[in-house]
């Protein structure tokens, strides 16, 4: 099975570890053995954290772009509605605190899902964090977010604090960065981003725990010129 999935993640944090901006959105293709992406499309967005669920629209648009160049059997969307077909979700099936936020984007994502079904003949499932491909998308997007945040630090000549996705750890090399899962049973699941501009040669990276969010780590990115 070939699965396209998407996620947005990693955040620029304040000095008090408050999230300010979501750094990146990405879509990935995940194939057996479902450990990492075989193809991906990741973009820097630096969107205000208040954007929230509206990012799901952009994530589905990225899936649509990726489907133009690869084939897949299904799309997994990072929206937890019991694995229902997105095109068939009704307001009456939504529960909890997220209901009002999802209602605002539901017409748009249903339209996108219907178009994907019409053009590519595959379903879009609102499966959320239960999906391993969504976790791969989270880690792949997070790895690229490290590169994007380093570029921001260099461009502005100012240190940045980057909050990483849940329960993962980075391994930085001159060639790129790997973000591996720390969740039990996911030790071999990872995301990777290539450091084409060799930003790690110009950045000092300090890894730390996020004191305000258990299970999360953060990176302090310091330009060498400072």
C-alpha atoms as a PDB file:
ATOM      1  CA  UNK A   1       0.000   0.000   0.000  1.00  0.00           C
ATOM      2  CA  UNK A   2       1.207   3.492  -0.912  1.00  0.00           C
ATOM      3  CA  UNK A   3      -0.031   6.232   1.432  1.00  0.00           C
ATOM      4  CA  UNK A   4       0.156   9.988   1.000  1.00  0.00           C
ATOM      5  CA  UNK A   5      -0.109  11.914   4.265  1.00  0.00           C
ATOM      6  CA  UNK A   6       0.573  15.414   5.518  1.00  0.00           C
ATOM      7  CA  UNK A   7       1.257  17.421   8.641  1.00  0.00           C
ATOM      8  CA  UNK A   8       2.438  20.819   9.844  1.00  0.00           C
ATOM      9  CA  UNK A   9       4.856  21.165  12.672  1.00  0.00           C
ATOM     10  CA  UNK A  10       7.761  22.442  14.716  1.00  0.00           C
ATOM     11  CA  UNK A  11       7.335  25.904  16.187  1.00  0.00           C
ATOM     12  CA  UNK A  12       9.400  28.998  16.776  1.00  0.00           C
ATOM     13  CA  UNK A  13       9.239  29.573  20.537  1.00  0.00           C
ATOM     14  CA  UNK A  14       9.629  32.672  22.663  1.00  0.00           C
ATOM     15  CA  UNK A  15      12.270  32.835  25.390  1.00  0.00           C
ATOM     16  CA  UNK A  16       9.485  31.679  27.729  1.00  0.00           C
ATOM     17  CA  UNK A  17       8.932  28.650  25.454  1.00  0.00           C
ATOM     18  CA  UNK A  18       5.596  29.931  24.189  1.00  0.00           C
ATOM     19  CA  UNK A  19       4.811  28.867  20.591  1.00  0.00           C
ATOM     20  CA  UNK A  20       4.777  31.796  18.171  1.00  0.00           C
ATOM     21  CA  UNK A  21       4.906  30.406  14.630  1.00  0.00           C
ATOM     22  CA  UNK A  22       4.368  27.033  12.959  1.00  0.00           C
ATOM     23  CA  UNK A  23       7.459  26.584  10.795  1.00  0.00           C
ATOM     24  CA  UNK A  24       6.581  24.092   8.051  1.00  0.00           C
ATOM     25  CA  UNK A  25       3.919  22.062   6.265  1.00  0.00           C
ATOM     26  CA  UNK A  26       4.626  18.928   4.278  1.00  0.00           C
ATOM     27  CA  UNK A  27       3.141  16.035   2.344  1.00  0.00           C
ATOM     28  CA  UNK A  28       4.888  12.665   2.059  1.00  0.00           C
ATOM     29  CA  UNK A  29       4.569   9.348   0.267  1.00  0.00           C
ATOM     30  CA  UNK A  30       5.082   6.376   2.596  1.00  0.00           C
ATOM     31  CA  UNK A  31       5.470   2.796   1.347  1.00  0.00           C
ATOM     32  CA  UNK A  32       6.281  -0.540   2.977  1.00  0.00           C
ATOM     33  CA  UNK A  33       7.864  -0.971   5.467  1.00  0.00           C
ATOM     34  CA  UNK A  34       6.337   2.420   6.441  1.00  0.00           C
ATOM     35  CA  UNK A  35       9.380   3.773   8.295  1.00  0.00           C
ATOM     36  CA  UNK A  36      10.198   6.958   6.374  1.00  0.00           C
ATOM     37  CA  UNK A  37       9.110   8.980   3.362  1.00  0.00           C
ATOM     38  CA  UNK A  38      10.072   7.814  -0.117  1.00  0.00           C
ATOM     39  CA  UNK A  39       8.947  11.150  -1.623  1.00  0.00           C
ATOM     40  CA  UNK A  40       8.054  14.445   0.017  1.00  0.00           C
ATOM     41  CA  UNK A  41       7.034  18.040  -0.567  1.00  0.00           C
ATOM     42  CA  UNK A  42       7.757  20.348   2.374  1.00  0.00           C
ATOM     43  CA  UNK A  43       7.379  24.131   2.490  1.00  0.00           C
ATOM     44  CA  UNK A  44       8.330  26.793   5.065  1.00  0.00           C
ATOM     45  CA  UNK A  45       5.225  28.665   6.216  1.00  0.00           C
ATOM     46  CA  UNK A  46       6.090  30.472   9.496  1.00  0.00           C
ATOM     47  CA  UNK A  47       2.358  30.781  10.191  1.00  0.00           C
ATOM     48  CA  UNK A  48       0.995  32.251  13.442  1.00  0.00           C
ATOM     49  CA  UNK A  49       0.018  29.480  15.847  1.00  0.00           C
ATOM     50  CA  UNK A  50      -3.495  30.924  15.834  1.00  0.00           C
ATOM     51  CA  UNK A  51      -3.855  29.624  12.263  1.00  0.00           C
ATOM     52  CA  UNK A  52      -4.595  26.242  13.843  1.00  0.00           C
ATOM     53  CA  UNK A  53      -6.918  23.950  11.944  1.00  0.00           C
ATOM     54  CA  UNK A  54      -6.814  26.161   8.837  1.00  0.00           C
ATOM     55  CA  UNK A  55      -3.432  24.579   8.119  1.00  0.00           C
ATOM     56  CA  UNK A  56      -5.234  21.325   7.294  1.00  0.00           C
ATOM     57  CA  UNK A  57      -6.436  22.977   4.084  1.00  0.00           C
ATOM     58  CA  UNK A  58      -2.854  23.725   3.065  1.00  0.00           C
ATOM     59  CA  UNK A  59      -1.776  20.199   4.008  1.00  0.00           C
ATOM     60  CA  UNK A  60      -4.432  18.682   1.762  1.00  0.00           C
ATOM     61  CA  UNK A  61      -3.411  21.034  -1.048  1.00  0.00           C
ATOM     62  CA  UNK A  62       0.168  19.763  -0.678  1.00  0.00           C
ATOM     63  CA  UNK A  63      -1.127  16.187  -0.898  1.00  0.00           C
ATOM     64  CA  UNK A  64      -2.872  17.167  -4.111  1.00  0.00           C
ATOM     65  CA  UNK A  65       0.373  18.595  -5.514  1.00  0.00           C
ATOM     66  CA  UNK A  66       2.301  15.451  -4.595  1.00  0.00           C
ATOM     67  CA  UNK A  67      -0.332  13.261  -6.244  1.00  0.00           C
ATOM     68  CA  UNK A  68       0.391  15.008  -9.539  1.00  0.00           C
ATOM     69  CA  UNK A  69       3.817  13.337  -9.672  1.00  0.00           C
ATOM     70  CA  UNK A  70       3.332  10.050  -7.772  1.00  0.00           C
ATOM     71  CA  UNK A  71       0.705   7.331  -7.428  1.00  0.00           C
ATOM     72  CA  UNK A  72      -0.916   6.376  -4.124  1.00  0.00           C
ATOM     73  CA  UNK A  73      -3.712   4.171  -2.816  1.00  0.00           C
ATOM     74  CA  UNK A  74      -5.080   6.447  -0.093  1.00  0.00           C
ATOM     75  CA  UNK A  75      -4.536   9.800   1.652  1.00  0.00           C
ATOM     76  CA  UNK A  76      -4.263  10.012   5.458  1.00  0.00           C
ATOM     77  CA  UNK A  77      -5.169  13.444   6.818  1.00  0.00           C
ATOM     78  CA  UNK A  78      -4.053  14.673  10.249  1.00  0.00           C
ATOM     79  CA  UNK A  79      -7.611  15.177  11.465  1.00  0.00           C
ATOM     80  CA  UNK A  80      -9.069  12.748  13.983  1.00  0.00           C
ATOM     81  CA  UNK A  81     -12.648  11.918  13.010  1.00  0.00           C
ATOM     82  CA  UNK A  82     -12.570   8.147  13.380  1.00  0.00           C
ATOM     83  CA  UNK A  83     -10.967   7.460  10.015  1.00  0.00           C
ATOM     84  CA  UNK A  84     -14.071   8.629   8.152  1.00  0.00           C
ATOM     85  CA  UNK A  85     -14.005   9.612   4.491  1.00  0.00           C
ATOM     86  CA  UNK A  86     -13.438  13.374   4.493  1.00  0.00           C
ATOM     87  CA  UNK A  87     -15.873  13.945   1.633  1.00  0.00           C
ATOM     88  CA  UNK A  88     -18.653  12.308   3.690  1.00  0.00           C
ATOM     89  CA  UNK A  89     -18.091  14.009   7.065  1.00  0.00           C
ATOM     90  CA  UNK A  90     -21.143  15.876   8.354  1.00  0.00           C
ATOM     91  CA  UNK A  91     -21.258  18.454  11.174  1.00  0.00           C
ATOM     92  CA  UNK A  92     -23.260  15.977  13.285  1.00  0.00           C
ATOM     93  CA  UNK A  93     -20.266  13.593  13.378  1.00  0.00           C
ATOM     94  CA  UNK A  94     -17.957  16.154  14.959  1.00  0.00           C
ATOM     95  CA  UNK A  95     -17.394  16.145  18.709  1.00  0.00           C
ATOM     96  CA  UNK A  96     -15.354  17.930  21.340  1.00  0.00           C
ATOM     97  CA  UNK A  97     -13.480  21.212  21.496  1.00  0.00           C
ATOM     98  CA  UNK A  98     -12.286  21.054  17.890  1.00  0.00           C
ATOM     99  CA  UNK A  99     -15.803  20.980  16.431  1.00  0.00           C
ATOM    100  CA  UNK A 100     -16.171  24.721  15.832  1.00  0.00           C
ATOM    101  CA  UNK A 101     -12.696  24.968  14.273  1.00  0.00           C
ATOM    102  CA  UNK A 102     -13.270  22.006  11.948  1.00  0.00           C
ATOM    103  CA  UNK A 103     -16.685  23.342  10.905  1.00  0.00           C
ATOM    104  CA  UNK A 104     -14.985  26.447   9.504  1.00  0.00           C
ATOM    105  CA  UNK A 105     -12.756  24.426   7.171  1.00  0.00           C
ATOM    106  CA  UNK A 106     -15.068  21.490   6.450  1.00  0.00           C
ATOM    107  CA  UNK A 107     -16.555  22.784   3.163  1.00  0.00           C
ATOM    108  CA  UNK A 108     -13.095  23.452   1.729  1.00  0.00           C
ATOM    109  CA  UNK A 109     -11.523  20.137   2.718  1.00  0.00           C
ATOM    110  CA  UNK A 110     -14.576  18.190   1.555  1.00  0.00           C
ATOM    111  CA  UNK A 111     -14.258  19.888  -1.830  1.00  0.00           C
ATOM    112  CA  UNK A 112     -10.538  19.050  -2.019  1.00  0.00           C
ATOM    113  CA  UNK A 113     -11.182  15.434  -0.979  1.00  0.00           C
ATOM    114  CA  UNK A 114     -13.929  15.087  -3.577  1.00  0.00           C
ATOM    115  CA  UNK A 115     -11.599  16.437  -6.252  1.00  0.00           C
ATOM    116  CA  UNK A 116      -8.837  13.991  -5.244  1.00  0.00           C
ATOM    117  CA  UNK A 117     -11.340  11.140  -5.456  1.00  0.00           C
ATOM    118  CA  UNK A 118     -12.513  12.297  -8.895  1.00  0.00           C
ATOM    119  CA  UNK A 119      -9.056  12.851 -10.406  1.00  0.00           C
ATOM    120  CA  UNK A 120      -6.998  10.101  -8.747  1.00  0.00           C
ATOM    121  CA  UNK A 121      -9.647   7.613  -7.656  1.00  0.00           C
ATOM    122  CA  UNK A 122      -8.449   7.432  -4.042  1.00  0.00           C
ATOM    123  CA  UNK A 123     -10.053   8.247  -0.684  1.00  0.00           C
ATOM    124  CA  UNK A 124      -8.997  10.856   1.863  1.00  0.00           C
ATOM    125  CA  UNK A 125      -9.373   9.527   5.420  1.00  0.00           C
ATOM    126  CA  UNK A 126      -9.624  11.708   8.544  1.00  0.00           C
ATOM    127  CA  UNK A 127      -7.481   9.300  10.554  1.00  0.00           C
ATOM    128  CA  UNK A 128      -5.265  11.674  12.546  1.00  0.00           C
ATOM    129  CA  UNK A 129      -2.423  10.590  14.827  1.00  0.00           C
ATOM    130  CA  UNK A 130      -3.420   6.908  14.662  1.00  0.00           C
ATOM    131  CA  UNK A 131      -1.760   6.814  11.235  1.00  0.00           C
ATOM    132  CA  UNK A 132       1.904   5.838  10.983  1.00  0.00           C
ATOM    133  CA  UNK A 133       2.238   7.762   7.672  1.00  0.00           C
ATOM    134  CA  UNK A 134       0.956  10.884   9.473  1.00  0.00           C
ATOM    135  CA  UNK A 135       3.714  10.367  12.059  1.00  0.00           C
ATOM    136  CA  UNK A 136       6.243  10.036   9.225  1.00  0.00           C
ATOM    137  CA  UNK A 137       4.888  13.297   7.785  1.00  0.00           C
ATOM    138  CA  UNK A 138       5.247  14.937  11.212  1.00  0.00           C
ATOM    139  CA  UNK A 139       8.884  13.864  11.547  1.00  0.00           C
ATOM    140  CA  UNK A 140       9.778  14.688   7.933  1.00  0.00           C
ATOM    141  CA  UNK A 141       8.216  18.128   8.254  1.00  0.00           C
ATOM    142  CA  UNK A 142       9.977  18.589  11.599  1.00  0.00           C
ATOM    143  CA  UNK A 143      13.365  17.706  10.102  1.00  0.00           C
ATOM    144  CA  UNK A 144      12.875  20.266   7.340  1.00  0.00           C
ATOM    145  CA  UNK A 145      11.683  22.808   9.909  1.00  0.00           C
ATOM    146  CA  UNK A 146      15.102  22.588  11.573  1.00  0.00           C
ATOM    147  CA  UNK A 147      16.722  23.595   8.271  1.00  0.00           C
ATOM    148  CA  UNK A 148      14.179  26.398   7.724  1.00  0.00           C
ATOM    149  CA  UNK A 149      14.657  27.746  11.267  1.00  0.00           C
ATOM    150  CA  UNK A 150      18.448  27.721  10.801  1.00  0.00           C
ATOM    151  CA  UNK A 151      18.014  29.783   7.633  1.00  0.00           C
ATOM    152  CA  UNK A 152      15.853  32.235   9.584  1.00  0.00           C
ATOM    153  CA  UNK A 153      18.500  32.521  12.312  1.00  0.00           C
ATOM    154  CA  UNK A 154      21.212  33.206   9.712  1.00  0.00           C
ATOM    155  CA  UNK A 155      19.085  35.629   7.701  1.00  0.00           C
ATOM    156  CA  UNK A 156      18.145  37.676  10.769  1.00  0.00           C
ATOM    157  CA  UNK A 157      21.473  37.065  12.550  1.00  0.00           C
ATOM    158  CA  UNK A 158      19.483  36.251  15.655  1.00  0.00           C
ATOM    159  CA  UNK A 159      19.205  33.077  17.695  1.00  0.00           C
ATOM    160  CA  UNK A 160      15.990  31.105  17.442  1.00  0.00           C
ATOM    161  CA  UNK A 161      14.375  28.551  19.740  1.00  0.00           C
ATOM    162  CA  UNK A 162      12.688  25.767  17.805  1.00  0.00           C
ATOM    163  CA  UNK A 163      10.181  23.428  19.429  1.00  0.00           C
ATOM    164  CA  UNK A 164      10.312  19.923  17.943  1.00  0.00           C
ATOM    165  CA  UNK A 165       7.411  17.477  17.425  1.00  0.00           C
ATOM    166  CA  UNK A 166       6.307  15.181  20.243  1.00  0.00           C
ATOM    167  CA  UNK A 167       8.775  12.560  21.515  1.00  0.00           C
ATOM    168  CA  UNK A 168      11.543  12.665  18.956  1.00  0.00           C
ATOM    169  CA  UNK A 169      15.239  13.430  18.872  1.00  0.00           C
ATOM    170  CA  UNK A 170      17.414  14.983  16.149  1.00  0.00           C
ATOM    171  CA  UNK A 171      20.703  13.763  14.747  1.00  0.00           C
ATOM    172  CA  UNK A 172      22.534  16.479  12.852  1.00  0.00           C
ATOM    173  CA  UNK A 173      25.321  15.861  10.341  1.00  0.00           C
ATOM    174  CA  UNK A 174      26.975  17.988   7.686  1.00  0.00           C
ATOM    175  CA  UNK A 175      24.779  16.311   5.108  1.00  0.00           C
ATOM    176  CA  UNK A 176      21.426  16.790   6.812  1.00  0.00           C
ATOM    177  CA  UNK A 177      19.267  16.026   9.823  1.00  0.00           C
ATOM    178  CA  UNK A 178      17.357  12.927  10.884  1.00  0.00           C
ATOM    179  CA  UNK A 179      14.456  13.173  13.314  1.00  0.00           C
ATOM    180  CA  UNK A 180      13.715   9.825  14.998  1.00  0.00           C
ATOM    181  CA  UNK A 181      10.667   8.875  17.031  1.00  0.00           C
ATOM    182  CA  UNK A 182      11.021   8.160  20.750  1.00  0.00           C
ATOM    183  CA  UNK A 183       7.529   6.655  21.059  1.00  0.00           C
ATOM    184  CA  UNK A 184       7.476   2.995  22.084  1.00  0.00           C
ATOM    185  CA  UNK A 185       7.238   0.704  19.075  1.00  0.00           C
ATOM    186  CA  UNK A 186       8.326   3.521  16.738  1.00  0.00           C
ATOM    187  CA  UNK A 187      12.108   3.423  17.216  1.00  0.00           C
ATOM    188  CA  UNK A 188      12.687   2.891  13.472  1.00  0.00           C
ATOM    189  CA  UNK A 189      10.300   5.632  12.277  1.00  0.00           C
ATOM    190  CA  UNK A 190      12.047   8.792  11.124  1.00  0.00           C
ATOM    191  CA  UNK A 191      12.058  11.896   8.981  1.00  0.00           C
ATOM    192  CA  UNK A 192      15.032  13.265   7.048  1.00  0.00           C
ATOM    193  CA  UNK A 193      15.993  16.603   5.488  1.00  0.00           C
ATOM    194  CA  UNK A 194      19.088  17.298   3.404  1.00  0.00           C
ATOM    195  CA  UNK A 195      21.215  20.317   4.318  1.00  0.00           C
ATOM    196  CA  UNK A 196      21.834  21.517   0.759  1.00  0.00           C
ATOM    197  CA  UNK A 197      22.972  24.979   1.865  1.00  0.00           C
ATOM    198  CA  UNK A 198      25.231  23.585   4.612  1.00  0.00           C
ATOM    199  CA  UNK A 199      23.566  25.752   7.238  1.00  0.00           C
ATOM    200  CA  UNK A 200      24.801  23.526  10.064  1.00  0.00           C
ATOM    201  CA  UNK A 201      28.347  24.706   9.342  1.00  0.00           C
ATOM    202  CA  UNK A 202      27.252  28.244  10.276  1.00  0.00           C
ATOM    203  CA  UNK A 203      24.966  27.470  13.214  1.00  0.00           C
ATOM    204  CA  UNK A 204      25.628  26.281  16.757  1.00  0.00           C
ATOM    205  CA  UNK A 205      22.871  23.961  17.914  1.00  0.00           C
ATOM    206  CA  UNK A 206      22.035  23.411  21.579  1.00  0.00           C
ATOM    207  CA  UNK A 207      19.496  20.699  22.370  1.00  0.00           C
ATOM    208  CA  UNK A 208      17.327  20.954  25.480  1.00  0.00           C
ATOM    209  CA  UNK A 209      14.072  19.732  26.971  1.00  0.00           C
ATOM    210  CA  UNK A 210      11.070  22.022  26.712  1.00  0.00           C
ATOM    211  CA  UNK A 211      10.396  22.908  30.378  1.00  0.00           C
ATOM    212  CA  UNK A 212       6.787  23.892  29.630  1.00  0.00           C
ATOM    213  CA  UNK A 213       5.722  20.860  27.604  1.00  0.00           C
ATOM    214  CA  UNK A 214       6.537  17.369  28.838  1.00  0.00           C
ATOM    215  CA  UNK A 215       7.616  15.022  26.059  1.00  0.00           C
ATOM    216  CA  UNK A 216       8.855  17.818  23.810  1.00  0.00           C
ATOM    217  CA  UNK A 217      12.414  18.894  23.031  1.00  0.00           C
ATOM    218  CA  UNK A 218      13.704  22.206  21.722  1.00  0.00           C
ATOM    219  CA  UNK A 219      16.748  23.434  19.840  1.00  0.00           C
ATOM    220  CA  UNK A 220      18.497  26.752  20.368  1.00  0.00           C
ATOM    221  CA  UNK A 221      19.934  27.826  17.009  1.00  0.00           C
ATOM    222  CA  UNK A 222      22.755  30.354  17.313  1.00  0.00           C
ATOM    223  CA  UNK A 223      24.449  31.963  14.271  1.00  0.00           C
ATOM    224  CA  UNK A 224      28.233  31.602  14.453  1.00  0.00           C
ATOM    225  CA  UNK A 225      28.601  35.340  13.819  1.00  0.00           C
ATOM    226  CA  UNK A 226      26.994  36.166  17.165  1.00  0.00           C
END
